[in-house]
Amino acid sequence: MLARRGLFDQAEGEARENVRLAEETDWLGYTGMAWSDLAEVLYLADGLGDAAVAARRAEEFFERKGSLVLLERVRRFREGLGDQRSGTV
């Protein structure tokens, strides 16, 4: 919601904190969603390379979880970004 209102710095900070918290758990789906949310925030803030990296991290968690629907959704999102490998998350 924050990123869609143009509050990119705040949105990114909250999304990164969510990823940090999720990484401390063993909940693969939650962690995948946290990375997916960060990817969307970065995309909205024009950080395409970083968004692609975050989306790929989300894919890794969804693959491990076996969540095929969410995996396909984030994969399509990432593919829609193009081949942006220059990002660092």
C-alpha atoms as a PDB file:
ATOM      1  CA  MET A   1       0.000   0.000   0.000  1.00  0.00           C
ATOM      2  CA  LEU A   2       2.785   2.437   0.883  1.00  0.00           C
ATOM      3  CA  ALA A   3       4.632   1.900  -2.397  1.00  0.00           C
ATOM      4  CA  ARG A   4       1.461   2.390  -4.399  1.00  0.00           C
ATOM      5  CA  ARG A   5       1.079   5.774  -2.675  1.00  0.00           C
ATOM      6  CA  GLY A   6       4.619   6.724  -3.662  1.00  0.00           C
ATOM      7  CA  LEU A   7       6.127   6.221  -0.203  1.00  0.00           C
ATOM      8  CA  PHE A   8       8.910   4.042  -1.589  1.00  0.00           C
ATOM      9  CA  ASP A   9      11.521   4.484   1.137  1.00  0.00           C
ATOM     10  CA  GLN A  10       9.077   3.625   3.899  1.00  0.00           C
ATOM     11  CA  ALA A  11       7.615   0.732   1.915  1.00  0.00           C
ATOM     12  CA  GLU A  12      11.043  -0.695   1.158  1.00  0.00           C
ATOM     13  CA  GLY A  13      12.121  -0.381   4.789  1.00  0.00           C
ATOM     14  CA  GLU A  14       9.050  -2.232   6.010  1.00  0.00           C
ATOM     15  CA  ALA A  15       9.342  -4.898   3.310  1.00  0.00           C
ATOM     16  CA  ARG A  16      13.006  -5.494   4.154  1.00  0.00           C
ATOM     17  CA  GLU A  17      12.143  -5.769   7.853  1.00  0.00           C
ATOM     18  CA  ASN A  18       9.449  -8.296   6.981  1.00  0.00           C
ATOM     19  CA  VAL A  19      12.012 -10.330   5.018  1.00  0.00           C
ATOM     20  CA  ARG A  20      14.424 -10.173   7.951  1.00  0.00           C
ATOM     21  CA  LEU A  21      11.761 -11.438  10.353  1.00  0.00           C
ATOM     22  CA  ALA A  22      10.567 -14.122   7.945  1.00  0.00           C
ATOM     23  CA  GLU A  23      14.123 -15.397   7.422  1.00  0.00           C
ATOM     24  CA  GLU A  24      14.282 -16.129  11.158  1.00  0.00           C
ATOM     25  CA  THR A  25      11.421 -18.626  10.871  1.00  0.00           C
ATOM     26  CA  ASP A  26      11.088 -22.002   9.204  1.00  0.00           C
ATOM     27  CA  TRP A  27       7.870 -20.965   7.458  1.00  0.00           C
ATOM     28  CA  LEU A  28       8.791 -21.294   3.800  1.00  0.00           C
ATOM     29  CA  GLY A  29       5.535 -19.847   2.474  1.00  0.00           C
ATOM     30  CA  TYR A  30       5.718 -16.791   4.738  1.00  0.00           C
ATOM     31  CA  THR A  31       9.327 -16.174   3.773  1.00  0.00           C
ATOM     32  CA  GLY A  32       8.508 -16.561   0.086  1.00  0.00           C
ATOM     33  CA  MET A  33       5.677 -14.056   0.408  1.00  0.00           C
ATOM     34  CA  ALA A  34       7.958 -11.609   2.221  1.00  0.00           C
ATOM     35  CA  TRP A  35      10.464 -11.786  -0.645  1.00  0.00           C
ATOM     36  CA  SER A  36       7.646 -11.500  -3.179  1.00  0.00           C
ATOM     37  CA  ASP A  37       6.308  -8.393  -1.432  1.00  0.00           C
ATOM     38  CA  LEU A  38       9.792  -6.856  -1.423  1.00  0.00           C
ATOM     39  CA  ALA A  39      10.094  -7.591  -5.143  1.00  0.00           C
ATOM     40  CA  GLU A  40       6.843  -5.751  -5.817  1.00  0.00           C
ATOM     41  CA  VAL A  41       7.915  -2.744  -3.737  1.00  0.00           C
ATOM     42  CA  LEU A  42      11.256  -2.588  -5.551  1.00  0.00           C
ATOM     43  CA  TYR A  43       9.509  -2.869  -8.905  1.00  0.00           C
ATOM     44  CA  LEU A  44       7.173   0.004  -8.059  1.00  0.00           C
ATOM     45  CA  ALA A  45      10.200   2.076  -7.011  1.00  0.00           C
ATOM     46  CA  ASP A  46      11.861   1.356 -10.411  1.00  0.00           C
ATOM     47  CA  GLY A  47      14.451  -0.987  -8.930  1.00  0.00           C
ATOM     48  CA  LEU A  48      13.985  -3.592 -11.654  1.00  0.00           C
ATOM     49  CA  GLY A  49      17.266  -5.400 -11.110  1.00  0.00           C
ATOM     50  CA  ASP A  50      16.735  -5.643  -7.369  1.00  0.00           C
ATOM     51  CA  ALA A  51      13.098  -6.653  -7.918  1.00  0.00           C
ATOM     52  CA  ALA A  52      14.235  -9.538 -10.128  1.00  0.00           C
ATOM     53  CA  VAL A  53      16.702 -10.713  -7.476  1.00  0.00           C
ATOM     54  CA  ALA A  54      14.053 -10.551  -4.735  1.00  0.00           C
ATOM     55  CA  ALA A  55      11.555 -12.394  -6.953  1.00  0.00           C
ATOM     56  CA  ARG A  56      14.110 -15.133  -7.565  1.00  0.00           C
ATOM     57  CA  ARG A  57      14.564 -15.502  -3.797  1.00  0.00           C
ATOM     58  CA  ALA A  58      10.781 -15.824  -3.451  1.00  0.00           C
ATOM     59  CA  GLU A  59      10.817 -18.545  -6.100  1.00  0.00           C
ATOM     60  CA  GLU A  60      13.414 -20.491  -4.126  1.00  0.00           C
ATOM     61  CA  PHE A  61      11.196 -20.558  -1.040  1.00  0.00           C
ATOM     62  CA  PHE A  62       8.053 -21.445  -2.978  1.00  0.00           C
ATOM     63  CA  GLU A  63       9.928 -24.268  -4.728  1.00  0.00           C
ATOM     64  CA  ARG A  64      11.100 -25.660  -1.390  1.00  0.00           C
ATOM     65  CA  LYS A  65       7.566 -25.370  -0.006  1.00  0.00           C
ATOM     66  CA  GLY A  66       6.055 -27.003  -3.082  1.00  0.00           C
ATOM     67  CA  SER A  67       3.654 -24.093  -3.541  1.00  0.00           C
ATOM     68  CA  LEU A  68       3.158 -24.351  -7.276  1.00  0.00           C
ATOM     69  CA  VAL A  69       0.548 -21.603  -7.614  1.00  0.00           C
ATOM     70  CA  LEU A  70       2.640 -18.994  -5.798  1.00  0.00           C
ATOM     71  CA  LEU A  71       5.775 -20.193  -7.574  1.00  0.00           C
ATOM     72  CA  GLU A  72       4.149 -19.676 -10.962  1.00  0.00           C
ATOM     73  CA  ARG A  73       2.808 -16.252  -9.960  1.00  0.00           C
ATOM     74  CA  VAL A  74       6.194 -14.928  -8.843  1.00  0.00           C
ATOM     75  CA  ARG A  75       7.948 -16.550 -11.803  1.00  0.00           C
ATOM     76  CA  ARG A  76       5.651 -14.734 -14.221  1.00  0.00           C
ATOM     77  CA  PHE A  77       6.239 -11.490 -12.342  1.00  0.00           C
ATOM     78  CA  ARG A  78      10.011 -11.942 -12.597  1.00  0.00           C
ATOM     79  CA  GLU A  79       9.877 -12.896 -16.255  1.00  0.00           C
ATOM     80  CA  GLY A  80       7.827  -9.758 -16.885  1.00  0.00           C
ATOM     81  CA  LEU A  81      10.722  -7.698 -15.555  1.00  0.00           C
ATOM     82  CA  GLY A  82      13.021  -8.970 -18.291  1.00  0.00           C
ATOM     83  CA  ASP A  83      16.528 -10.215 -17.745  1.00  0.00           C
ATOM     84  CA  GLN A  84      17.636  -7.866 -14.958  1.00  0.00           C
ATOM     85  CA  ARG A  85      20.588  -9.555 -13.300  1.00  0.00           C
ATOM     86  CA  SER A  86      22.422  -6.453 -12.187  1.00  0.00           C
ATOM     87  CA  GLY A  87      20.460  -6.052  -8.971  1.00  0.00           C
ATOM     88  CA  THR A  88      21.637  -6.706  -5.449  1.00  0.00           C
ATOM     89  CA  VAL A  89      19.215  -7.197  -2.606  1.00  0.00           C
END
